[in-house]
Amino acid sequence: TINVTVTDKSRVIAVWAVNAAAGTVGDTVSVGNAVNLITTTALDINIANTTIARATVLANANWEIAAGGTLRVVETDGGGADSHACDVYVLACKVT
Protein backbone atom coordinates (compact mmCIF):
# COMPACT_ATOMS: atom_id res chain seq x y z
CA THR A 1 0.00 0.00 0.00
CA ILE A 2 1.23 3.46 -0.92
CA ASN A 3 -0.35 6.58 0.58
CA VAL A 4 0.24 10.03 -0.89
CA THR A 5 -0.95 13.25 0.73
CA VAL A 6 -2.60 15.47 -1.87
CA THR A 7 -1.59 19.14 -1.56
CA ASP A 8 -4.51 20.70 -3.46
CA LYS A 9 -8.09 19.52 -3.92
CA SER A 10 -7.89 17.23 -6.95
CA ARG A 11 -10.09 15.08 -9.16
CA VAL A 12 -8.80 11.72 -10.43
CA ILE A 13 -9.67 11.40 -14.11
CA ALA A 14 -7.67 8.31 -15.17
CA VAL A 15 -5.85 5.34 -13.63
CA TRP A 16 -3.65 2.79 -15.37
CA ALA A 17 -0.91 0.30 -14.52
CA VAL A 18 1.96 -1.07 -16.60
CA ASN A 19 3.30 -4.49 -15.65
CA ALA A 20 7.03 -4.98 -15.16
CA ALA A 21 6.61 -8.80 -15.11
CA ALA A 22 3.91 -11.35 -15.91
CA GLY A 23 1.07 -11.41 -13.40
CA THR A 24 -0.83 -14.35 -11.96
CA VAL A 25 -4.48 -15.03 -11.09
CA GLY A 26 -5.79 -12.62 -8.47
CA ASP A 27 -3.09 -9.94 -8.87
CA THR A 28 -4.87 -6.58 -8.75
CA VAL A 29 -4.36 -2.86 -8.19
CA SER A 30 -6.92 -0.47 -6.76
CA VAL A 31 -6.84 3.28 -6.17
CA GLY A 32 -8.79 5.07 -3.49
CA ASN A 33 -9.56 8.33 -1.76
CA ALA A 34 -8.24 7.06 1.57
CA VAL A 35 -10.33 3.89 2.14
CA ASN A 36 -13.04 4.81 -0.39
CA LEU A 37 -12.37 3.25 -3.78
CA ILE A 38 -12.04 5.46 -6.84
CA THR A 39 -11.51 2.47 -9.12
CA THR A 40 -14.88 0.76 -8.64
CA THR A 41 -13.36 -2.49 -9.92
CA ALA A 42 -9.73 -3.33 -9.20
CA LEU A 43 -7.40 -3.37 -12.21
CA ASP A 44 -6.64 -6.98 -13.12
CA ILE A 45 -2.86 -7.21 -13.52
CA ASN A 46 -2.85 -10.92 -14.35
CA ILE A 47 -1.43 -9.85 -17.70
CA ALA A 48 1.83 -10.08 -19.62
CA ASN A 49 4.94 -8.02 -18.97
CA THR A 50 4.70 -4.45 -20.35
CA THR A 51 0.91 -4.73 -20.82
CA ILE A 52 -1.28 -1.82 -19.70
CA ALA A 53 -4.36 -2.29 -17.51
CA ARG A 54 -6.78 0.67 -17.41
CA ALA A 55 -9.61 1.59 -15.09
CA THR A 56 -12.76 1.75 -17.19
CA VAL A 57 -15.05 3.06 -14.44
CA LEU A 58 -14.30 5.63 -11.73
CA ALA A 59 -16.55 6.30 -8.73
CA ASN A 60 -17.59 9.93 -9.10
CA ALA A 61 -18.61 9.97 -5.43
CA ASN A 62 -14.96 9.36 -4.46
CA TRP A 63 -12.86 10.81 -7.27
CA GLU A 64 -12.39 14.22 -5.65
CA ILE A 65 -9.72 14.24 -2.97
CA ALA A 66 -9.69 17.16 -0.53
CA ALA A 67 -6.55 19.21 0.04
CA GLY A 68 -4.56 17.28 2.64
CA GLY A 69 -6.45 14.09 1.77
CA THR A 70 -4.91 10.73 0.95
CA LEU A 71 -4.55 9.09 -2.44
CA ARG A 72 -4.10 5.36 -1.76
CA VAL A 73 -2.76 2.72 -4.15
CA VAL A 74 -3.12 -0.93 -3.10
CA GLU A 75 -1.54 -3.86 -4.96
CA THR A 76 -2.90 -7.27 -4.03
CA ASP A 77 -1.00 -10.49 -4.63
CA GLY A 78 -3.46 -13.17 -5.70
CA GLY A 79 -1.53 -16.03 -4.16
CA GLY A 80 1.86 -16.97 -2.83
CA ALA A 81 4.80 -14.61 -2.96
CA ASP A 82 4.69 -14.02 -6.72
CA SER A 83 3.66 -10.39 -6.53
CA HIS A 84 5.44 -8.55 -9.28
CA ALA A 85 6.40 -4.98 -9.86
CA CYS A 86 4.08 -2.67 -11.73
CA ASP A 87 4.01 1.05 -12.26
CA VAL A 88 0.69 2.67 -11.38
CA TYR A 89 -0.21 6.03 -12.92
CA VAL A 90 -2.93 8.36 -11.65
CA LEU A 91 -3.93 11.38 -13.70
CA ALA A 92 -5.61 14.08 -11.62
CA CYS A 93 -6.45 17.73 -12.09
CA LYS A 94 -6.71 20.50 -9.53
CA VAL A 95 -10.28 21.59 -8.79
CA THR A 96 -11.69 24.51 -6.83
PDB file of N, CA and C in Angstrom:
ATOM      1  N   THR A   1       0.838  -1.184   0.000  1.00  0.00           N
ATOM      2  CA  THR A   1       0.000   0.000   0.000  1.00  0.00           C
ATOM      3  C   THR A   1       0.878   1.240   0.000  1.00  0.00           C
ATOM      4  N   ILE A   2       0.526   2.177  -0.864  1.00  0.00           N
ATOM      5  CA  ILE A   2       1.228   3.458  -0.917  1.00  0.00           C
ATOM      6  C   ILE A   2       0.203   4.559  -0.675  1.00  0.00           C
ATOM      7  N   ASN A   3       0.501   5.440   0.273  1.00  0.00           N
ATOM      8  CA  ASN A   3      -0.353   6.575   0.581  1.00  0.00           C
ATOM      9  C   ASN A   3       0.373   7.865   0.222  1.00  0.00           C
ATOM     10  N   VAL A   4      -0.320   8.742  -0.502  1.00  0.00           N
ATOM     11  CA  VAL A   4       0.241  10.033  -0.888  1.00  0.00           C
ATOM     12  C   VAL A   4      -0.693  11.131  -0.405  1.00  0.00           C
ATOM     13  N   THR A   5      -0.148  12.109   0.294  1.00  0.00           N
ATOM     14  CA  THR A   5      -0.950  13.245   0.729  1.00  0.00           C
ATOM     15  C   THR A   5      -1.083  14.216  -0.441  1.00  0.00           C
ATOM     16  N   VAL A   6      -2.308  14.568  -0.754  1.00  0.00           N
ATOM     17  CA  VAL A   6      -2.597  15.471  -1.869  1.00  0.00           C
ATOM     18  C   VAL A   6      -2.554  16.912  -1.356  1.00  0.00           C
ATOM     19  N   THR A   7      -1.760  17.752  -2.000  1.00  0.00           N
ATOM     20  CA  THR A   7      -1.591  19.135  -1.562  1.00  0.00           C
ATOM     21  C   THR A   7      -2.829  19.979  -1.833  1.00  0.00           C
ATOM     22  N   ASP A   8      -3.346  19.903  -3.063  1.00  0.00           N
ATOM     23  CA  ASP A   8      -4.509  20.697  -3.459  1.00  0.00           C
ATOM     24  C   ASP A   8      -5.691  19.775  -3.719  1.00  0.00           C
ATOM     25  N   LYS A   9      -6.904  20.300  -3.567  1.00  0.00           N
ATOM     26  CA  LYS A   9      -8.086  19.524  -3.917  1.00  0.00           C
ATOM     27  C   LYS A   9      -7.951  19.089  -5.372  1.00  0.00           C
ATOM     28  N   SER A  10      -8.135  17.794  -5.618  1.00  0.00           N
ATOM     29  CA  SER A  10      -7.895  17.234  -6.949  1.00  0.00           C
ATOM     30  C   SER A  10      -8.976  16.238  -7.328  1.00  0.00           C
ATOM     31  N   ARG A  11      -9.169  16.077  -8.639  1.00  0.00           N
ATOM     32  CA  ARG A  11     -10.095  15.077  -9.164  1.00  0.00           C
ATOM     33  C   ARG A  11      -9.309  14.068  -9.996  1.00  0.00           C
ATOM     34  N   VAL A  12      -9.450  12.797  -9.657  1.00  0.00           N
ATOM     35  CA  VAL A  12      -8.803  11.724 -10.426  1.00  0.00           C
ATOM     36  C   VAL A  12      -9.618  11.500 -11.692  1.00  0.00           C
ATOM     37  N   ILE A  13      -8.951  11.557 -12.850  1.00  0.00           N
ATOM     38  CA  ILE A  13      -9.672  11.396 -14.114  1.00  0.00           C
ATOM     39  C   ILE A  13      -9.208  10.184 -14.910  1.00  0.00           C
ATOM     40  N   ALA A  14      -8.121   9.535 -14.490  1.00  0.00           N
ATOM     41  CA  ALA A  14      -7.669   8.314 -15.170  1.00  0.00           C
ATOM     42  C   ALA A  14      -6.708   7.553 -14.264  1.00  0.00           C
ATOM     43  N   VAL A  15      -6.755   6.215 -14.372  1.00  0.00           N
ATOM     44  CA  VAL A  15      -5.850   5.344 -13.627  1.00  0.00           C
ATOM     45  C   VAL A  15      -5.432   4.216 -14.556  1.00  0.00           C
ATOM     46  N   TRP A  16      -4.129   3.926 -14.592  1.00  0.00           N
ATOM     47  CA  TRP A  16      -3.650   2.788 -15.365  1.00  0.00           C
ATOM     48  C   TRP A  16      -2.393   2.228 -14.731  1.00  0.00           C
ATOM     49  N   ALA A  17      -2.090   0.982 -15.057  1.00  0.00           N
ATOM     50  CA  ALA A  17      -0.907   0.302 -14.523  1.00  0.00           C
ATOM     51  C   ALA A  17      -0.190  -0.405 -15.661  1.00  0.00           C
ATOM     52  N   VAL A  18       1.130  -0.394 -15.600  1.00  0.00           N
ATOM     53  CA  VAL A  18       1.961  -1.073 -16.596  1.00  0.00           C
ATOM     54  C   VAL A  18       2.756  -2.150 -15.868  1.00  0.00           C
ATOM     55  N   ASN A  19       2.589  -3.394 -16.296  1.00  0.00           N
ATOM     56  CA  ASN A  19       3.296  -4.492 -15.653  1.00  0.00           C
ATOM     57  C   ASN A  19       4.781  -4.479 -15.985  1.00  0.00           C
ATOM     58  N   ALA A  20       5.586  -4.834 -14.979  1.00  0.00           N
ATOM     59  CA  ALA A  20       7.030  -4.983 -15.165  1.00  0.00           C
ATOM     60  C   ALA A  20       7.415  -6.455 -15.182  1.00  0.00           C
ATOM     61  N   ALA A  21       6.419  -7.338 -15.059  1.00  0.00           N
ATOM     62  CA  ALA A  21       6.608  -8.796 -15.114  1.00  0.00           C
ATOM     63  C   ALA A  21       5.224  -9.415 -15.318  1.00  0.00           C
ATOM     64  N   ALA A  22       5.193 -10.676 -15.710  1.00  0.00           N
ATOM     65  CA  ALA A  22       3.910 -11.348 -15.913  1.00  0.00           C
ATOM     66  C   ALA A  22       3.177 -11.514 -14.590  1.00  0.00           C
ATOM     67  N   GLY A  23       1.874 -11.257 -14.598  1.00  0.00           N
ATOM     68  CA  GLY A  23       1.066 -11.409 -13.403  1.00  0.00           C
ATOM     69  C   GLY A  23       0.501 -12.815 -13.288  1.00  0.00           C
ATOM     70  N   THR A  24      -0.158 -13.080 -12.167  1.00  0.00           N
ATOM     71  CA  THR A  24      -0.830 -14.355 -11.955  1.00  0.00           C
ATOM     72  C   THR A  24      -2.261 -14.088 -11.485  1.00  0.00           C
ATOM     73  N   VAL A  25      -3.065 -15.143 -11.450  1.00  0.00           N
ATOM     74  CA  VAL A  25      -4.480 -15.027 -11.090  1.00  0.00           C
ATOM     75  C   VAL A  25      -4.633 -14.336  -9.736  1.00  0.00           C
ATOM     76  N   GLY A  26      -5.492 -13.326  -9.710  1.00  0.00           N
ATOM     77  CA  GLY A  26      -5.787 -12.621  -8.470  1.00  0.00           C
ATOM     78  C   GLY A  26      -4.922 -11.404  -8.209  1.00  0.00           C
ATOM     79  N   ASP A  27      -3.919 -11.141  -9.044  1.00  0.00           N
ATOM     80  CA  ASP A  27      -3.092  -9.944  -8.871  1.00  0.00           C
ATOM     81  C   ASP A  27      -3.896  -8.732  -9.322  1.00  0.00           C
ATOM     82  N   THR A  28      -4.054  -7.757  -8.439  1.00  0.00           N
ATOM     83  CA  THR A  28      -4.866  -6.577  -8.753  1.00  0.00           C
ATOM     84  C   THR A  28      -4.231  -5.307  -8.190  1.00  0.00           C
ATOM     85  N   VAL A  29      -4.712  -4.181  -8.703  1.00  0.00           N
ATOM     86  CA  VAL A  29      -4.357  -2.861  -8.186  1.00  0.00           C
ATOM     87  C   VAL A  29      -5.646  -2.067  -8.038  1.00  0.00           C
ATOM     88  N   SER A  30      -5.777  -1.360  -6.928  1.00  0.00           N
ATOM     89  CA  SER A  30      -6.920  -0.466  -6.759  1.00  0.00           C
ATOM     90  C   SER A  30      -6.415   0.885  -6.268  1.00  0.00           C
ATOM     91  N   VAL A  31      -7.190   1.920  -6.560  1.00  0.00           N
ATOM     92  CA  VAL A  31      -6.838   3.282  -6.168  1.00  0.00           C
ATOM     93  C   VAL A  31      -8.022   3.871  -5.408  1.00  0.00           C
ATOM     94  N   GLY A  32      -7.717   4.535  -4.301  1.00  0.00           N
ATOM     95  CA  GLY A  32      -8.786   5.071  -3.490  1.00  0.00           C
ATOM     96  C   GLY A  32      -8.517   6.462  -2.960  1.00  0.00           C
ATOM     97  N   ASN A  33      -9.589   7.071  -2.501  1.00  0.00           N
ATOM     98  CA  ASN A  33      -9.561   8.327  -1.760  1.00  0.00           C
ATOM     99  C   ASN A  33      -9.589   7.881  -0.308  1.00  0.00           C
ATOM    100  N   ALA A  34      -8.400   7.725   0.276  1.00  0.00           N
ATOM    101  CA  ALA A  34      -8.239   7.064   1.572  1.00  0.00           C
ATOM    102  C   ALA A  34      -8.795   5.640   1.433  1.00  0.00           C
ATOM    103  N   VAL A  35      -9.798   5.254   2.217  1.00  0.00           N
ATOM    104  CA  VAL A  35     -10.327   3.889   2.141  1.00  0.00           C
ATOM    105  C   VAL A  35     -11.479   3.746   1.151  1.00  0.00           C
ATOM    106  N   ASN A  36     -11.928   4.846   0.562  1.00  0.00           N
ATOM    107  CA  ASN A  36     -13.039   4.806  -0.391  1.00  0.00           C
ATOM    108  C   ASN A  36     -12.505   4.634  -1.810  1.00  0.00           C
ATOM    109  N   LEU A  37     -12.908   3.558  -2.465  1.00  0.00           N
ATOM    110  CA  LEU A  37     -12.368   3.248  -3.785  1.00  0.00           C
ATOM    111  C   LEU A  37     -12.773   4.260  -4.851  1.00  0.00           C
ATOM    112  N   ILE A  38     -11.793   4.659  -5.637  1.00  0.00           N
ATOM    113  CA  ILE A  38     -12.038   5.462  -6.836  1.00  0.00           C
ATOM    114  C   ILE A  38     -12.210   4.517  -8.016  1.00  0.00           C
ATOM    115  N   THR A  39     -11.356   3.502  -8.092  1.00  0.00           N
ATOM    116  CA  THR A  39     -11.511   2.473  -9.124  1.00  0.00           C
ATOM    117  C   THR A  39     -12.565   1.508  -8.604  1.00  0.00           C
ATOM    118  N   THR A  40     -13.765   1.561  -9.169  1.00  0.00           N
ATOM    119  CA  THR A  40     -14.877   0.758  -8.644  1.00  0.00           C
ATOM    120  C   THR A  40     -14.608  -0.733  -8.771  1.00  0.00           C
ATOM    121  N   THR A  41     -13.825  -1.107  -9.760  1.00  0.00           N
ATOM    122  CA  THR A  41     -13.362  -2.489  -9.918  1.00  0.00           C
ATOM    123  C   THR A  41     -11.843  -2.438  -9.956  1.00  0.00           C
ATOM    124  N   ALA A  42     -11.193  -3.308  -9.205  1.00  0.00           N
ATOM    125  CA  ALA A  42      -9.727  -3.332  -9.197  1.00  0.00           C
ATOM    126  C   ALA A  42      -9.199  -3.642 -10.591  1.00  0.00           C
ATOM    127  N   LEU A  43      -8.051  -3.071 -10.933  1.00  0.00           N
ATOM    128  CA  LEU A  43      -7.403  -3.369 -12.207  1.00  0.00           C
ATOM    129  C   LEU A  43      -6.810  -4.767 -12.128  1.00  0.00           C
ATOM    130  N   ASP A  44      -7.155  -5.618 -13.061  1.00  0.00           N
ATOM    131  CA  ASP A  44      -6.635  -6.982 -13.119  1.00  0.00           C
ATOM    132  C   ASP A  44      -5.255  -6.926 -13.757  1.00  0.00           C
ATOM    133  N   ILE A  45      -4.215  -7.229 -12.973  1.00  0.00           N
ATOM    134  CA  ILE A  45      -2.862  -7.210 -13.519  1.00  0.00           C
ATOM    135  C   ILE A  45      -2.313  -8.622 -13.714  1.00  0.00           C
ATOM    136  N   ASN A  46      -3.227  -9.567 -13.916  1.00  0.00           N
ATOM    137  CA  ASN A  46      -2.855 -10.916 -14.352  1.00  0.00           C
ATOM    138  C   ASN A  46      -2.693 -10.857 -15.870  1.00  0.00           C
ATOM    139  N   ILE A  47      -1.674 -10.112 -16.289  1.00  0.00           N
ATOM    140  CA  ILE A  47      -1.434  -9.847 -17.704  1.00  0.00           C
ATOM    141  C   ILE A  47       0.066  -9.947 -17.965  1.00  0.00           C
ATOM    142  N   ALA A  48       0.425  -9.919 -19.230  1.00  0.00           N
ATOM    143  CA  ALA A  48       1.830 -10.076 -19.621  1.00  0.00           C
ATOM    144  C   ALA A  48       2.669  -8.856 -19.247  1.00  0.00           C
ATOM    145  N   ASN A  49       3.967  -9.087 -19.189  1.00  0.00           N
ATOM    146  CA  ASN A  49       4.938  -8.024 -18.967  1.00  0.00           C
ATOM    147  C   ASN A  49       4.733  -6.909 -19.994  1.00  0.00           C
ATOM    148  N   THR A  50       4.835  -5.684 -19.570  1.00  0.00           N
ATOM    149  CA  THR A  50       4.705  -4.447 -20.353  1.00  0.00           C
ATOM    150  C   THR A  50       3.284  -4.171 -20.846  1.00  0.00           C
ATOM    151  N   THR A  51       2.302  -4.956 -20.426  1.00  0.00           N
ATOM    152  CA  THR A  51       0.909  -4.729 -20.818  1.00  0.00           C
ATOM    153  C   THR A  51       0.294  -3.671 -19.900  1.00  0.00           C
ATOM    154  N   ILE A  52      -0.624  -2.887 -20.458  1.00  0.00           N
ATOM    155  CA  ILE A  52      -1.275  -1.818 -19.704  1.00  0.00           C
ATOM    156  C   ILE A  52      -2.686  -2.249 -19.301  1.00  0.00           C
ATOM    157  N   ALA A  53      -3.002  -2.077 -18.027  1.00  0.00           N
ATOM    158  CA  ALA A  53      -4.360  -2.290 -17.511  1.00  0.00           C
ATOM    159  C   ALA A  53      -4.927  -0.917 -17.188  1.00  0.00           C
ATOM    160  N   ARG A  54      -6.164  -0.644 -17.625  1.00  0.00           N
ATOM    161  CA  ARG A  54      -6.776   0.670 -17.408  1.00  0.00           C
ATOM    162  C   ARG A  54      -8.074   0.536 -16.624  1.00  0.00           C
ATOM    163  N   ALA A  55      -8.319   1.512 -15.765  1.00  0.00           N
ATOM    164  CA  ALA A  55      -9.612   1.586 -15.091  1.00  0.00           C
ATOM    165  C   ALA A  55     -10.627   2.074 -16.113  1.00  0.00           C
ATOM    166  N   THR A  56     -11.729   1.360 -16.235  1.00  0.00           N
ATOM    167  CA  THR A  56     -12.761   1.750 -17.193  1.00  0.00           C
ATOM    168  C   THR A  56     -13.924   2.473 -16.520  1.00  0.00           C
ATOM    169  N   VAL A  57     -13.996   2.378 -15.192  1.00  0.00           N
ATOM    170  CA  VAL A  57     -15.049   3.056 -14.435  1.00  0.00           C
ATOM    171  C   VAL A  57     -14.418   3.681 -13.196  1.00  0.00           C
ATOM    172  N   LEU A  58     -14.754   4.944 -12.936  1.00  0.00           N
ATOM    173  CA  LEU A  58     -14.302   5.633 -11.725  1.00  0.00           C
ATOM    174  C   LEU A  58     -15.529   6.055 -10.925  1.00  0.00           C
ATOM    175  N   ALA A  59     -15.434   5.934  -9.608  1.00  0.00           N
ATOM    176  CA  ALA A  59     -16.549   6.302  -8.728  1.00  0.00           C
ATOM    177  C   ALA A  59     -16.570   7.814  -8.554  1.00  0.00           C
ATOM    178  N   ASN A  60     -17.552   8.475  -9.180  1.00  0.00           N
ATOM    179  CA  ASN A  60     -17.593   9.933  -9.096  1.00  0.00           C
ATOM    180  C   ASN A  60     -17.887  10.428  -7.678  1.00  0.00           C
ATOM    181  N   ALA A  61     -18.387   9.580  -6.825  1.00  0.00           N
ATOM    182  CA  ALA A  61     -18.613   9.971  -5.430  1.00  0.00           C
ATOM    183  C   ALA A  61     -17.292  10.065  -4.663  1.00  0.00           C
ATOM    184  N   ASN A  62     -16.234   9.421  -5.180  1.00  0.00           N
ATOM    185  CA  ASN A  62     -14.958   9.363  -4.458  1.00  0.00           C
ATOM    186  C   ASN A  62     -13.797   9.983  -5.212  1.00  0.00           C
ATOM    187  N   TRP A  63     -14.000  10.404  -6.444  1.00  0.00           N
ATOM    188  CA  TRP A  63     -12.858  10.809  -7.269  1.00  0.00           C
ATOM    189  C   TRP A  63     -12.267  12.162  -6.905  1.00  0.00           C
ATOM    190  N   GLU A  64     -12.974  12.966  -6.117  1.00  0.00           N
ATOM    191  CA  GLU A  64     -12.393  14.225  -5.650  1.00  0.00           C
ATOM    192  C   GLU A  64     -11.760  14.012  -4.287  1.00  0.00           C
ATOM    193  N   ILE A  65     -10.484  14.398  -4.208  1.00  0.00           N
ATOM    194  CA  ILE A  65      -9.724  14.245  -2.973  1.00  0.00           C
ATOM    195  C   ILE A  65      -9.470  15.644  -2.413  1.00  0.00           C
ATOM    196  N   ALA A  66      -9.850  15.856  -1.170  1.00  0.00           N
ATOM    197  CA  ALA A  66      -9.687  17.162  -0.528  1.00  0.00           C
ATOM    198  C   ALA A  66      -8.210  17.493  -0.346  1.00  0.00           C
ATOM    199  N   ALA A  67      -7.910  18.784  -0.289  1.00  0.00           N
ATOM    200  CA  ALA A  67      -6.551  19.207   0.041  1.00  0.00           C
ATOM    201  C   ALA A  67      -6.165  18.584   1.378  1.00  0.00           C
ATOM    202  N   GLY A  68      -5.001  17.965   1.424  1.00  0.00           N
ATOM    203  CA  GLY A  68      -4.560  17.282   2.635  1.00  0.00           C
ATOM    204  C   GLY A  68      -5.085  15.871   2.747  1.00  0.00           C
ATOM    205  N   GLY A  69      -5.910  15.447   1.776  1.00  0.00           N
ATOM    206  CA  GLY A  69      -6.452  14.085   1.770  1.00  0.00           C
ATOM    207  C   GLY A  69      -5.423  13.073   1.304  1.00  0.00           C
ATOM    208  N   THR A  70      -5.831  11.815   1.284  1.00  0.00           N
ATOM    209  CA  THR A  70      -4.910  10.726   0.951  1.00  0.00           C
ATOM    210  C   THR A  70      -5.327  10.004  -0.313  1.00  0.00           C
ATOM    211  N   LEU A  71      -4.412   9.936  -1.259  1.00  0.00           N
ATOM    212  CA  LEU A  71      -4.549   9.086  -2.443  1.00  0.00           C
ATOM    213  C   LEU A  71      -3.872   7.766  -2.091  1.00  0.00           C
ATOM    214  N   ARG A  72      -4.627   6.673  -2.169  1.00  0.00           N
ATOM    215  CA  ARG A  72      -4.095   5.361  -1.760  1.00  0.00           C
ATOM    216  C   ARG A  72      -4.071   4.406  -2.945  1.00  0.00           C
ATOM    217  N   VAL A  73      -2.923   3.756  -3.130  1.00  0.00           N
ATOM    218  CA  VAL A  73      -2.760   2.719  -4.154  1.00  0.00           C
ATOM    219  C   VAL A  73      -2.472   1.410  -3.431  1.00  0.00           C
ATOM    220  N   VAL A  74      -3.282   0.380  -3.741  1.00  0.00           N
ATOM    221  CA  VAL A  74      -3.120  -0.927  -3.103  1.00  0.00           C
ATOM    222  C   VAL A  74      -2.911  -1.989  -4.171  1.00  0.00           C
ATOM    223  N   GLU A  75      -1.808  -2.721  -4.068  1.00  0.00           N
ATOM    224  CA  GLU A  75      -1.539  -3.857  -4.959  1.00  0.00           C
ATOM    225  C   GLU A  75      -1.793  -5.112  -4.152  1.00  0.00           C
ATOM    226  N   THR A  76      -2.577  -6.020  -4.711  1.00  0.00           N
ATOM    227  CA  THR A  76      -2.905  -7.269  -4.030  1.00  0.00           C
ATOM    228  C   THR A  76      -2.311  -8.442  -4.785  1.00  0.00           C
ATOM    229  N   ASP A  77      -1.589  -9.283  -4.058  1.00  0.00           N
ATOM    230  CA  ASP A  77      -1.003 -10.489  -4.634  1.00  0.00           C
ATOM    231  C   ASP A  77      -2.042 -11.596  -4.526  1.00  0.00           C
ATOM    232  N   GLY A  78      -2.416 -12.162  -5.663  1.00  0.00           N
ATOM    233  CA  GLY A  78      -3.464 -13.168  -5.698  1.00  0.00           C
ATOM    234  C   GLY A  78      -3.137 -14.485  -5.028  1.00  0.00           C
ATOM    235  N   GLY A  79      -1.877 -14.767  -4.807  1.00  0.00           N
ATOM    236  CA  GLY A  79      -1.530 -16.027  -4.159  1.00  0.00           C
ATOM    237  C   GLY A  79      -0.035 -16.230  -4.104  1.00  0.00           C
ATOM    238  N   GLY A  80       0.429 -16.716  -2.981  1.00  0.00           N
ATOM    239  CA  GLY A  80       1.855 -16.966  -2.832  1.00  0.00           C
ATOM    240  C   GLY A  80       2.636 -15.674  -2.716  1.00  0.00           C
ATOM    241  N   ALA A  81       3.908 -15.774  -3.037  1.00  0.00           N
ATOM    242  CA  ALA A  81       4.797 -14.605  -2.961  1.00  0.00           C
ATOM    243  C   ALA A  81       5.241 -14.221  -4.362  1.00  0.00           C
ATOM    244  N   ASP A  82       4.325 -14.289  -5.324  1.00  0.00           N
ATOM    245  CA  ASP A  82       4.687 -14.016  -6.721  1.00  0.00           C
ATOM    246  C   ASP A  82       4.339 -12.598  -7.151  1.00  0.00           C
ATOM    247  N   SER A  83       4.033 -11.752  -6.186  1.00  0.00           N
ATOM    248  CA  SER A  83       3.658 -10.389  -6.529  1.00  0.00           C
ATOM    249  C   SER A  83       4.790  -9.728  -7.312  1.00  0.00           C
ATOM    250  N   HIS A  84       4.427  -9.141  -8.399  1.00  0.00           N
ATOM    251  CA  HIS A  84       5.439  -8.554  -9.283  1.00  0.00           C
ATOM    252  C   HIS A  84       5.382  -7.035  -9.239  1.00  0.00           C
ATOM    253  N   ALA A  85       6.360  -6.440  -9.819  1.00  0.00           N
ATOM    254  CA  ALA A  85       6.399  -4.976  -9.862  1.00  0.00           C
ATOM    255  C   ALA A  85       5.493  -4.461 -10.968  1.00  0.00           C
ATOM    256  N   CYS A  86       4.831  -3.379 -10.696  1.00  0.00           N
ATOM    257  CA  CYS A  86       4.083  -2.674 -11.734  1.00  0.00           C
ATOM    258  C   CYS A  86       4.141  -1.189 -11.412  1.00  0.00           C
ATOM    259  N   ASP A  87       4.045  -0.396 -12.435  1.00  0.00           N
ATOM    260  CA  ASP A  87       4.007   1.050 -12.259  1.00  0.00           C
ATOM    261  C   ASP A  87       2.548   1.483 -12.373  1.00  0.00           C
ATOM    262  N   VAL A  88       2.068   2.207 -11.380  1.00  0.00           N
ATOM    263  CA  VAL A  88       0.690   2.670 -11.378  1.00  0.00           C
ATOM    264  C   VAL A  88       0.697   4.181 -11.613  1.00  0.00           C
ATOM    265  N   TYR A  89      -0.120   4.617 -12.559  1.00  0.00           N
ATOM    266  CA  TYR A  89      -0.212   6.027 -12.924  1.00  0.00           C
ATOM    267  C   TYR A  89      -1.617   6.545 -12.604  1.00  0.00           C
ATOM    268  N   VAL A  90      -1.662   7.715 -11.987  1.00  0.00           N
ATOM    269  CA  VAL A  90      -2.926   8.358 -11.654  1.00  0.00           C
ATOM    270  C   VAL A  90      -2.885   9.760 -12.238  1.00  0.00           C
ATOM    271  N   LEU A  91      -3.829  10.056 -13.116  1.00  0.00           N
ATOM    272  CA  LEU A  91      -3.935  11.384 -13.698  1.00  0.00           C
ATOM    273  C   LEU A  91      -5.028  12.135 -12.962  1.00  0.00           C
ATOM    274  N   ALA A  92      -4.655  13.272 -12.385  1.00  0.00           N
ATOM    275  CA  ALA A  92      -5.607  14.076 -11.619  1.00  0.00           C
ATOM    276  C   ALA A  92      -5.451  15.546 -12.010  1.00  0.00           C
ATOM    277  N   CYS A  93      -6.510  16.289 -11.820  1.00  0.00           N
ATOM    278  CA  CYS A  93      -6.448  17.728 -12.087  1.00  0.00           C
ATOM    279  C   CYS A  93      -6.904  18.481 -10.838  1.00  0.00           C
ATOM    280  N   LYS A  94      -6.355  19.657 -10.668  1.00  0.00           N
ATOM    281  CA  LYS A  94      -6.712  20.502  -9.532  1.00  0.00           C
ATOM    282  C   LYS A  94      -8.120  21.062  -9.757  1.00  0.00           C
ATOM    283  N   VAL A  95      -8.924  21.034  -8.703  1.00  0.00           N
ATOM    284  CA  VAL A  95     -10.275  21.588  -8.786  1.00  0.00           C
ATOM    285  C   VAL A  95     -10.468  22.609  -7.662  1.00  0.00           C
ATOM    286  N   THR A  96     -11.435  23.492  -7.854  1.00  0.00           N
ATOM    287  CA  THR A  96     -11.686  24.508  -6.828  1.00  0.00           C
ATOM    288  C   THR A  96     -13.046  24.307  -6.209  1.00  0.00           C
TER     289      THR A  96
END
